mmCIF file of all heavy atoms, coordinates in Angstrom:
data_MODEL
# 
_entry.id   MODEL 
# 
loop_
_atom_site.group_PDB 
_atom_site.id 
_atom_site.type_symbol 
_atom_site.label_atom_id 
_atom_site.label_alt_id 
_atom_site.label_comp_id 
_atom_site.label_asym_id 
_atom_site.label_entity_id 
_atom_site.label_seq_id 
_atom_site.pdbx_PDB_ins_code 
_atom_site.Cartn_x 
_atom_site.Cartn_y 
_atom_site.Cartn_z 
_atom_site.occupancy 
_atom_site.B_iso_or_equiv 
_atom_site.pdbx_formal_charge 
_atom_site.auth_seq_id 
_atom_site.auth_comp_id 
_atom_site.auth_asym_id 
_atom_site.auth_atom_id 
_atom_site.pdbx_PDB_model_num 
ATOM 1   N N   . ASP A 1 1  ? 113.905 94.860  94.476 1.00 0.00 ? 1  ASP A N   1 
ATOM 2   C CA  . ASP A 1 1  ? 113.709 94.345  95.822 1.00 0.00 ? 1  ASP A CA  1 
ATOM 3   C C   . ASP A 1 1  ? 112.271 93.815  96.048 1.00 0.00 ? 1  ASP A C   1 
ATOM 4   O O   . ASP A 1 1  ? 111.922 93.161  96.958 1.00 0.00 ? 1  ASP A O   1 
ATOM 5   C CB  . ASP A 1 1  ? 114.001 95.396  96.852 1.00 0.00 ? 1  ASP A CB  1 
ATOM 6   C CG  . ASP A 1 1  ? 115.452 95.761  96.938 1.00 0.00 ? 1  ASP A CG  1 
ATOM 7   O OD1 . ASP A 1 1  ? 116.291 94.889  96.621 1.00 0.00 ? 1  ASP A OD1 1 
ATOM 8   O OD2 . ASP A 1 1  ? 115.806 96.918  97.271 1.00 0.00 ? 1  ASP A OD2 1 
ATOM 9   N N   . HIS A 1 2  ? 111.368 94.216  95.065 1.00 0.00 ? 2  HIS A N   1 
ATOM 10  C CA  . HIS A 1 2  ? 110.008 93.818  95.104 1.00 0.00 ? 2  HIS A CA  1 
ATOM 11  C C   . HIS A 1 2  ? 109.714 92.360  94.501 1.00 0.00 ? 2  HIS A C   1 
ATOM 12  O O   . HIS A 1 2  ? 108.576 91.912  94.452 1.00 0.00 ? 2  HIS A O   1 
ATOM 13  C CB  . HIS A 1 2  ? 109.046 94.785  94.432 1.00 0.00 ? 2  HIS A CB  1 
ATOM 14  C CG  . HIS A 1 2  ? 108.976 96.050  95.196 1.00 0.00 ? 2  HIS A CG  1 
ATOM 15  N ND1 . HIS A 1 2  ? 109.198 97.249  94.605 1.00 0.00 ? 2  HIS A ND1 1 
ATOM 16  C CD2 . HIS A 1 2  ? 108.652 96.312  96.508 1.00 0.00 ? 2  HIS A CD2 1 
ATOM 17  C CE1 . HIS A 1 2  ? 109.000 98.249  95.489 1.00 0.00 ? 2  HIS A CE1 1 
ATOM 18  N NE2 . HIS A 1 2  ? 108.747 97.695  96.658 1.00 0.00 ? 2  HIS A NE2 1 
ATOM 19  N N   . LEU A 1 3  ? 110.804 91.736  94.048 1.00 0.00 ? 3  LEU A N   1 
ATOM 20  C CA  . LEU A 1 3  ? 110.660 90.349  93.478 1.00 0.00 ? 3  LEU A CA  1 
ATOM 21  C C   . LEU A 1 3  ? 110.305 89.363  94.642 1.00 0.00 ? 3  LEU A C   1 
ATOM 22  O O   . LEU A 1 3  ? 110.872 89.427  95.734 1.00 0.00 ? 3  LEU A O   1 
ATOM 23  C CB  . LEU A 1 3  ? 112.002 89.872  92.883 1.00 0.00 ? 3  LEU A CB  1 
ATOM 24  C CG  . LEU A 1 3  ? 112.269 90.562  91.502 1.00 0.00 ? 3  LEU A CG  1 
ATOM 25  C CD1 . LEU A 1 3  ? 113.687 90.201  91.123 1.00 0.00 ? 3  LEU A CD1 1 
ATOM 26  C CD2 . LEU A 1 3  ? 111.281 90.213  90.449 1.00 0.00 ? 3  LEU A CD2 1 
ATOM 27  N N   . PHE A 1 4  ? 109.310 88.549  94.411 1.00 0.00 ? 4  PHE A N   1 
ATOM 28  C CA  . PHE A 1 4  ? 108.855 87.605  95.415 1.00 0.00 ? 4  PHE A CA  1 
ATOM 29  C C   . PHE A 1 4  ? 109.935 86.657  95.883 1.00 0.00 ? 4  PHE A C   1 
ATOM 30  O O   . PHE A 1 4  ? 110.632 86.116  95.124 1.00 0.00 ? 4  PHE A O   1 
ATOM 31  C CB  . PHE A 1 4  ? 107.651 86.888  94.946 1.00 0.00 ? 4  PHE A CB  1 
ATOM 32  C CG  . PHE A 1 4  ? 107.211 85.747  95.769 1.00 0.00 ? 4  PHE A CG  1 
ATOM 33  C CD1 . PHE A 1 4  ? 106.487 86.008  96.987 1.00 0.00 ? 4  PHE A CD1 1 
ATOM 34  C CD2 . PHE A 1 4  ? 107.427 84.429  95.440 1.00 0.00 ? 4  PHE A CD2 1 
ATOM 35  C CE1 . PHE A 1 4  ? 106.081 84.895  97.751 1.00 0.00 ? 4  PHE A CE1 1 
ATOM 36  C CE2 . PHE A 1 4  ? 107.096 83.434  96.274 1.00 0.00 ? 4  PHE A CE2 1 
ATOM 37  C CZ  . PHE A 1 4  ? 106.372 83.703  97.428 1.00 0.00 ? 4  PHE A CZ  1 
ATOM 38  N N   . GLY A 1 5  ? 109.953 86.347  97.186 1.00 0.00 ? 5  GLY A N   1 
ATOM 39  C CA  . GLY A 1 5  ? 110.691 85.305  97.712 1.00 0.00 ? 5  GLY A CA  1 
ATOM 40  C C   . GLY A 1 5  ? 112.224 85.656  97.875 1.00 0.00 ? 5  GLY A C   1 
ATOM 41  O O   . GLY A 1 5  ? 112.580 86.809  98.234 1.00 0.00 ? 5  GLY A O   1 
ATOM 42  N N   . SER A 1 6  ? 113.065 84.787  97.451 1.00 0.00 ? 6  SER A N   1 
ATOM 43  C CA  . SER A 1 6  ? 114.569 84.927  97.566 1.00 0.00 ? 6  SER A CA  1 
ATOM 44  C C   . SER A 1 6  ? 115.044 85.728  96.431 1.00 0.00 ? 6  SER A C   1 
ATOM 45  O O   . SER A 1 6  ? 115.417 85.248  95.377 1.00 0.00 ? 6  SER A O   1 
ATOM 46  C CB  . SER A 1 6  ? 115.198 83.491  97.541 1.00 0.00 ? 6  SER A CB  1 
ATOM 47  O OG  . SER A 1 6  ? 116.505 83.680  97.521 1.00 0.00 ? 6  SER A OG  1 
ATOM 48  N N   . ASN A 1 7  ? 114.981 87.096  96.582 1.00 0.00 ? 7  ASN A N   1 
ATOM 49  C CA  . ASN A 1 7  ? 115.368 87.936  95.437 1.00 0.00 ? 7  ASN A CA  1 
ATOM 50  C C   . ASN A 1 7  ? 116.885 88.030  95.222 1.00 0.00 ? 7  ASN A C   1 
ATOM 51  O O   . ASN A 1 7  ? 117.229 88.465  94.156 1.00 0.00 ? 7  ASN A O   1 
ATOM 52  C CB  . ASN A 1 7  ? 114.772 89.323  95.575 1.00 0.00 ? 7  ASN A CB  1 
ATOM 53  C CG  . ASN A 1 7  ? 115.040 89.983  96.928 1.00 0.00 ? 7  ASN A CG  1 
ATOM 54  O OD1 . ASN A 1 7  ? 116.152 89.771  97.502 1.00 0.00 ? 7  ASN A OD1 1 
ATOM 55  N ND2 . ASN A 1 7  ? 114.175 90.750  97.459 1.00 0.00 ? 7  ASN A ND2 1 
ATOM 56  N N   . ILE A 1 8  ? 117.702 87.705  96.227 1.00 0.00 ? 8  ILE A N   1 
ATOM 57  C CA  . ILE A 1 8  ? 119.152 87.928  96.080 1.00 0.00 ? 8  ILE A CA  1 
ATOM 58  C C   . ILE A 1 8  ? 119.706 87.012  94.928 1.00 0.00 ? 8  ILE A C   1 
ATOM 59  O O   . ILE A 1 8  ? 120.438 87.488  94.089 1.00 0.00 ? 8  ILE A O   1 
ATOM 60  C CB  . ILE A 1 8  ? 119.921 87.592  97.447 1.00 0.00 ? 8  ILE A CB  1 
ATOM 61  C CG1 . ILE A 1 8  ? 119.433 88.573  98.471 1.00 0.00 ? 8  ILE A CG1 1 
ATOM 62  C CG2 . ILE A 1 8  ? 121.378 87.744  97.211 1.00 0.00 ? 8  ILE A CG2 1 
ATOM 63  C CD1 . ILE A 1 8  ? 119.647 90.023  98.103 1.00 0.00 ? 8  ILE A CD1 1 
ATOM 64  N N   . PRO A 1 9  ? 119.430 85.705  94.912 1.00 0.00 ? 9  PRO A N   1 
ATOM 65  C CA  . PRO A 1 9  ? 119.933 84.918  93.844 1.00 0.00 ? 9  PRO A CA  1 
ATOM 66  C C   . PRO A 1 9  ? 119.369 85.341  92.415 1.00 0.00 ? 9  PRO A C   1 
ATOM 67  O O   . PRO A 1 9  ? 120.061 85.148  91.470 1.00 0.00 ? 9  PRO A O   1 
ATOM 68  C CB  . PRO A 1 9  ? 119.496 83.460  94.202 1.00 0.00 ? 9  PRO A CB  1 
ATOM 69  C CG  . PRO A 1 9  ? 118.367 83.617  95.169 1.00 0.00 ? 9  PRO A CG  1 
ATOM 70  C CD  . PRO A 1 9  ? 118.710 84.827  95.926 1.00 0.00 ? 9  PRO A CD  1 
ATOM 71  N N   . ILE A 1 10 ? 118.183 85.882  92.455 1.00 0.00 ? 10 ILE A N   1 
ATOM 72  C CA  . ILE A 1 10 ? 117.522 86.325  91.207 1.00 0.00 ? 10 ILE A CA  1 
ATOM 73  C C   . ILE A 1 10 ? 118.365 87.483  90.731 1.00 0.00 ? 10 ILE A C   1 
ATOM 74  O O   . ILE A 1 10 ? 118.739 87.633  89.517 1.00 0.00 ? 10 ILE A O   1 
ATOM 75  C CB  . ILE A 1 10 ? 116.100 86.636  91.393 1.00 0.00 ? 10 ILE A CB  1 
ATOM 76  C CG1 . ILE A 1 10 ? 115.328 85.409  91.880 1.00 0.00 ? 10 ILE A CG1 1 
ATOM 77  C CG2 . ILE A 1 10 ? 115.461 87.099  90.091 1.00 0.00 ? 10 ILE A CG2 1 
ATOM 78  C CD1 . ILE A 1 10 ? 113.841 85.696  92.251 1.00 0.00 ? 10 ILE A CD1 1 
ATOM 79  N N   . GLN A 1 11 ? 118.511 88.505  91.593 1.00 0.00 ? 11 GLN A N   1 
ATOM 80  C CA  . GLN A 1 11 ? 119.251 89.683  91.240 1.00 0.00 ? 11 GLN A CA  1 
ATOM 81  C C   . GLN A 1 11 ? 120.697 89.370  90.765 1.00 0.00 ? 11 GLN A C   1 
ATOM 82  O O   . GLN A 1 11 ? 121.200 89.993  89.817 1.00 0.00 ? 11 GLN A O   1 
ATOM 83  C CB  . GLN A 1 11 ? 119.347 90.624  92.410 1.00 0.00 ? 11 GLN A CB  1 
ATOM 84  C CG  . GLN A 1 11 ? 118.010 91.142  92.864 1.00 0.00 ? 11 GLN A CG  1 
ATOM 85  C CD  . GLN A 1 11 ? 118.046 91.967  94.125 1.00 0.00 ? 11 GLN A CD  1 
ATOM 86  O OE1 . GLN A 1 11 ? 119.155 92.397  94.571 1.00 0.00 ? 11 GLN A OE1 1 
ATOM 87  N NE2 . GLN A 1 11 ? 116.950 92.327  94.690 1.00 0.00 ? 11 GLN A NE2 1 
ATOM 88  N N   . GLY A 1 12 ? 121.326 88.367  91.395 1.00 0.00 ? 12 GLY A N   1 
ATOM 89  C CA  . GLY A 1 12 ? 122.673 88.018  91.035 1.00 0.00 ? 12 GLY A CA  1 
ATOM 90  C C   . GLY A 1 12 ? 122.796 87.314  89.672 1.00 0.00 ? 12 GLY A C   1 
ATOM 91  O O   . GLY A 1 12 ? 123.741 87.584  88.932 1.00 0.00 ? 12 GLY A O   1 
ATOM 92  N N   . GLU A 1 13 ? 121.862 86.529  89.320 1.00 0.00 ? 13 GLU A N   1 
ATOM 93  C CA  . GLU A 1 13 ? 121.944 85.733  88.067 1.00 0.00 ? 13 GLU A CA  1 
ATOM 94  C C   . GLU A 1 13 ? 121.486 86.557  86.877 1.00 0.00 ? 13 GLU A C   1 
ATOM 95  O O   . GLU A 1 13 ? 121.917 86.290  85.722 1.00 0.00 ? 13 GLU A O   1 
ATOM 96  C CB  . GLU A 1 13 ? 121.063 84.387  88.204 1.00 0.00 ? 13 GLU A CB  1 
ATOM 97  C CG  . GLU A 1 13 ? 121.625 83.412  89.238 1.00 0.00 ? 13 GLU A CG  1 
ATOM 98  C CD  . GLU A 1 13 ? 122.951 82.831  88.881 1.00 0.00 ? 13 GLU A CD  1 
ATOM 99  O OE1 . GLU A 1 13 ? 123.443 83.100  87.788 1.00 0.00 ? 13 GLU A OE1 1 
ATOM 100 O OE2 . GLU A 1 13 ? 123.577 82.251  89.829 1.00 0.00 ? 13 GLU A OE2 1 
ATOM 101 N N   . ALA A 1 14 ? 120.476 87.419  87.001 1.00 0.00 ? 14 ALA A N   1 
ATOM 102 C CA  . ALA A 1 14 ? 119.963 88.125  85.872 1.00 0.00 ? 14 ALA A CA  1 
ATOM 103 C C   . ALA A 1 14 ? 120.854 89.184  85.272 1.00 0.00 ? 14 ALA A C   1 
ATOM 104 O O   . ALA A 1 14 ? 121.608 89.862  85.988 1.00 0.00 ? 14 ALA A O   1 
ATOM 105 C CB  . ALA A 1 14 ? 118.621 88.807  86.276 1.00 0.00 ? 14 ALA A CB  1 
ATOM 106 N N   . ASP A 1 15 ? 120.912 89.196  83.977 1.00 0.00 ? 15 ASP A N   1 
ATOM 107 C CA  . ASP A 1 15 ? 121.668 90.278  83.224 1.00 0.00 ? 15 ASP A CA  1 
ATOM 108 C C   . ASP A 1 15 ? 120.789 91.550  83.271 1.00 0.00 ? 15 ASP A C   1 
ATOM 109 O O   . ASP A 1 15 ? 121.440 92.628  83.296 1.00 0.00 ? 15 ASP A O   1 
ATOM 110 C CB  . ASP A 1 15 ? 121.952 89.865  81.859 1.00 0.00 ? 15 ASP A CB  1 
ATOM 111 C CG  . ASP A 1 15 ? 122.920 88.735  81.881 1.00 0.00 ? 15 ASP A CG  1 
ATOM 112 O OD1 . ASP A 1 15 ? 124.075 88.849  82.197 1.00 0.00 ? 15 ASP A OD1 1 
ATOM 113 O OD2 . ASP A 1 15 ? 122.552 87.615  81.277 1.00 0.00 ? 15 ASP A OD2 1 
ATOM 114 N N   . ALA A 1 16 ? 119.519 91.463  83.217 1.00 0.00 ? 16 ALA A N   1 
ATOM 115 C CA  . ALA A 1 16 ? 118.653 92.626  83.281 1.00 0.00 ? 16 ALA A CA  1 
ATOM 116 C C   . ALA A 1 16 ? 117.352 92.211  83.959 1.00 0.00 ? 16 ALA A C   1 
ATOM 117 O O   . ALA A 1 16 ? 116.899 91.040  83.902 1.00 0.00 ? 16 ALA A O   1 
ATOM 118 C CB  . ALA A 1 16 ? 118.348 93.104  81.872 1.00 0.00 ? 16 ALA A CB  1 
ATOM 119 N N   . ILE A 1 17 ? 116.816 93.089  84.737 1.00 0.00 ? 17 ILE A N   1 
ATOM 120 C CA  . ILE A 1 17 ? 115.536 92.957  85.445 1.00 0.00 ? 17 ILE A CA  1 
ATOM 121 C C   . ILE A 1 17 ? 114.532 94.049  84.970 1.00 0.00 ? 17 ILE A C   1 
ATOM 122 O O   . ILE A 1 17 ? 114.876 95.230  84.974 1.00 0.00 ? 17 ILE A O   1 
ATOM 123 C CB  . ILE A 1 17 ? 115.684 92.962  86.898 1.00 0.00 ? 17 ILE A CB  1 
ATOM 124 C CG1 . ILE A 1 17 ? 116.563 91.826  87.413 1.00 0.00 ? 17 ILE A CG1 1 
ATOM 125 C CG2 . ILE A 1 17 ? 114.375 92.851  87.700 1.00 0.00 ? 17 ILE A CG2 1 
ATOM 126 C CD1 . ILE A 1 17 ? 116.887 91.739  88.867 1.00 0.00 ? 17 ILE A CD1 1 
ATOM 127 N N   . ILE A 1 18 ? 113.375 93.605  84.572 1.00 0.00 ? 18 ILE A N   1 
ATOM 128 C CA  . ILE A 1 18 ? 112.337 94.535  84.110 1.00 0.00 ? 18 ILE A CA  1 
ATOM 129 C C   . ILE A 1 18 ? 111.149 94.313  85.071 1.00 0.00 ? 18 ILE A C   1 
ATOM 130 O O   . ILE A 1 18 ? 110.597 93.310  85.186 1.00 0.00 ? 18 ILE A O   1 
ATOM 131 C CB  . ILE A 1 18 ? 111.881 94.194  82.650 1.00 0.00 ? 18 ILE A CB  1 
ATOM 132 C CG1 . ILE A 1 18 ? 113.118 94.238  81.632 1.00 0.00 ? 18 ILE A CG1 1 
ATOM 133 C CG2 . ILE A 1 18 ? 110.765 95.144  82.210 1.00 0.00 ? 18 ILE A CG2 1 
ATOM 134 C CD1 . ILE A 1 18 ? 112.740 93.705  80.321 1.00 0.00 ? 18 ILE A CD1 1 
ATOM 135 N N   . MET A 1 19 ? 110.769 95.463  85.653 1.00 0.00 ? 19 MET A N   1 
ATOM 136 C CA  . MET A 1 19 ? 109.624 95.365  86.639 1.00 0.00 ? 19 MET A CA  1 
ATOM 137 C C   . MET A 1 19 ? 108.403 96.116  85.975 1.00 0.00 ? 19 MET A C   1 
ATOM 138 O O   . MET A 1 19 ? 108.599 97.190  85.358 1.00 0.00 ? 19 MET A O   1 
ATOM 139 C CB  . MET A 1 19 ? 109.969 96.105  87.921 1.00 0.00 ? 19 MET A CB  1 
ATOM 140 C CG  . MET A 1 19 ? 111.172 95.416  88.662 1.00 0.00 ? 19 MET A CG  1 
ATOM 141 S SD  . MET A 1 19 ? 110.923 93.729  89.105 1.00 0.00 ? 19 MET A SD  1 
ATOM 142 C CE  . MET A 1 19 ? 109.584 93.785  90.322 1.00 0.00 ? 19 MET A CE  1 
ATOM 143 N N   . ILE A 1 20 ? 107.309 95.491  85.973 1.00 0.00 ? 20 ILE A N   1 
ATOM 144 C CA  . ILE A 1 20 ? 106.064 96.053  85.510 1.00 0.00 ? 20 ILE A CA  1 
ATOM 145 C C   . ILE A 1 20 ? 105.099 96.378  86.534 1.00 0.00 ? 20 ILE A C   1 
ATOM 146 O O   . ILE A 1 20 ? 104.627 95.558  87.270 1.00 0.00 ? 20 ILE A O   1 
ATOM 147 C CB  . ILE A 1 20 ? 105.320 95.116  84.463 1.00 0.00 ? 20 ILE A CB  1 
ATOM 148 C CG1 . ILE A 1 20 ? 106.413 94.631  83.468 1.00 0.00 ? 20 ILE A CG1 1 
ATOM 149 C CG2 . ILE A 1 20 ? 104.167 95.848  83.788 1.00 0.00 ? 20 ILE A CG2 1 
ATOM 150 C CD1 . ILE A 1 20 ? 105.846 93.627  82.465 1.00 0.00 ? 20 ILE A CD1 1 
ATOM 151 N N   . GLY A 1 21 ? 104.816 97.672  86.778 1.00 0.00 ? 21 GLY A N   1 
ATOM 152 C CA  . GLY A 1 21 ? 103.877 98.100  87.822 1.00 0.00 ? 21 GLY A CA  1 
ATOM 153 C C   . GLY A 1 21 ? 102.528 98.498  87.263 1.00 0.00 ? 21 GLY A C   1 
ATOM 154 O O   . GLY A 1 21 ? 102.413 98.812  86.097 1.00 0.00 ? 21 GLY A O   1 
ATOM 155 N N   . ARG A 1 22 ? 101.509 98.404  88.125 1.00 0.00 ? 22 ARG A N   1 
ATOM 156 C CA  . ARG A 1 22 ? 100.141 98.778  87.859 1.00 0.00 ? 22 ARG A CA  1 
ATOM 157 C C   . ARG A 1 22 ? 99.414  99.415  89.013 1.00 0.00 ? 22 ARG A C   1 
ATOM 158 O O   . ARG A 1 22 ? 99.464  98.842  90.131 1.00 0.00 ? 22 ARG A O   1 
ATOM 159 C CB  . ARG A 1 22 ? 99.335  97.507  87.376 1.00 0.00 ? 22 ARG A CB  1 
ATOM 160 C CG  . ARG A 1 22 ? 97.900  97.801  87.027 1.00 0.00 ? 22 ARG A CG  1 
ATOM 161 C CD  . ARG A 1 22 ? 97.134  96.391  86.894 1.00 0.00 ? 22 ARG A CD  1 
ATOM 162 N NE  . ARG A 1 22 ? 95.673  96.674  86.576 1.00 0.00 ? 22 ARG A NE  1 
ATOM 163 C CZ  . ARG A 1 22 ? 94.798  95.765  86.623 1.00 0.00 ? 22 ARG A CZ  1 
ATOM 164 N NH1 . ARG A 1 22 ? 95.073  94.481  86.869 1.00 0.00 ? 22 ARG A NH1 1 
ATOM 165 N NH2 . ARG A 1 22 ? 93.513  96.055  86.301 1.00 0.00 ? 22 ARG A NH2 1 
ATOM 166 N N   . MET A 1 23 ? 98.829  100.556 88.772 1.00 0.00 ? 23 MET A N   1 
ATOM 167 C CA  . MET A 1 23 ? 98.154  101.280 89.883 1.00 0.00 ? 23 MET A CA  1 
ATOM 168 C C   . MET A 1 23 ? 96.646  100.891 89.821 1.00 0.00 ? 23 MET A C   1 
ATOM 169 O O   . MET A 1 23 ? 95.986  101.020 88.727 1.00 0.00 ? 23 MET A O   1 
ATOM 170 C CB  . MET A 1 23 ? 98.246  102.780 89.697 1.00 0.00 ? 23 MET A CB  1 
ATOM 171 C CG  . MET A 1 23 ? 99.744  103.265 89.662 1.00 0.00 ? 23 MET A CG  1 
ATOM 172 S SD  . MET A 1 23 ? 100.675 102.935 91.175 1.00 0.00 ? 23 MET A SD  1 
ATOM 173 C CE  . MET A 1 23 ? 99.830  104.033 92.313 1.00 0.00 ? 23 MET A CE  1 
ATOM 174 N N   . THR A 1 24 ? 96.190  100.376 90.904 1.00 0.00 ? 24 THR A N   1 
ATOM 175 C CA  . THR A 1 24 ? 94.684  99.962  90.929 1.00 0.00 ? 24 THR A CA  1 
ATOM 176 C C   . THR A 1 24 ? 93.942  100.780 91.886 1.00 0.00 ? 24 THR A C   1 
ATOM 177 O O   . THR A 1 24 ? 92.794  100.493 92.257 1.00 0.00 ? 24 THR A O   1 
ATOM 178 C CB  . THR A 1 24 ? 94.642  98.433  91.483 1.00 0.00 ? 24 THR A CB  1 
ATOM 179 O OG1 . THR A 1 24 ? 95.217  98.398  92.771 1.00 0.00 ? 24 THR A OG1 1 
ATOM 180 C CG2 . THR A 1 24 ? 95.365  97.543  90.496 1.00 0.00 ? 24 THR A CG2 1 
ATOM 181 N N   . ASP A 1 25 ? 94.466  101.958 92.231 1.00 0.00 ? 25 ASP A N   1 
ATOM 182 C CA  . ASP A 1 25 ? 93.792  102.895 93.086 1.00 0.00 ? 25 ASP A CA  1 
ATOM 183 C C   . ASP A 1 25 ? 92.992  103.978 92.365 1.00 0.00 ? 25 ASP A C   1 
ATOM 184 O O   . ASP A 1 25 ? 92.407  104.918 92.977 1.00 0.00 ? 25 ASP A O   1 
ATOM 185 C CB  . ASP A 1 25 ? 94.720  103.583 94.072 1.00 0.00 ? 25 ASP A CB  1 
ATOM 186 C CG  . ASP A 1 25 ? 95.825  104.351 93.311 1.00 0.00 ? 25 ASP A CG  1 
ATOM 187 O OD1 . ASP A 1 25 ? 95.822  104.360 92.080 1.00 0.00 ? 25 ASP A OD1 1 
ATOM 188 O OD2 . ASP A 1 25 ? 96.667  104.922 93.997 1.00 0.00 ? 25 ASP A OD2 1 
ATOM 189 N N   . GLY A 1 26 ? 92.820  103.798 91.053 1.00 0.00 ? 26 GLY A N   1 
ATOM 190 C CA  . GLY A 1 26 ? 92.057  104.777 90.286 1.00 0.00 ? 26 GLY A CA  1 
ATOM 191 C C   . GLY A 1 26 ? 92.838  106.024 89.843 1.00 0.00 ? 26 GLY A C   1 
ATOM 192 O O   . GLY A 1 26 ? 92.308  106.864 89.168 1.00 0.00 ? 26 GLY A O   1 
ATOM 193 N N   . SER A 1 27 ? 94.144  106.037 90.200 1.00 0.00 ? 27 SER A N   1 
ATOM 194 C CA  . SER A 1 27 ? 94.903  107.291 89.846 1.00 0.00 ? 27 SER A CA  1 
ATOM 195 C C   . SER A 1 27 ? 95.458  107.190 88.414 1.00 0.00 ? 27 SER A C   1 
ATOM 196 O O   . SER A 1 27 ? 96.000  108.232 87.919 1.00 0.00 ? 27 SER A O   1 
ATOM 197 C CB  . SER A 1 27 ? 96.156  107.330 90.754 1.00 0.00 ? 27 SER A CB  1 
ATOM 198 O OG  . SER A 1 27 ? 96.987  106.194 90.653 1.00 0.00 ? 27 SER A OG  1 
# 
């Protein structure tokens, strides 16, 4: 759901979704 913009068609077409997170708060 954090994909930018129109995420519904992206979610529907993709066979797999890989999300890469990064913490910038020093934790």
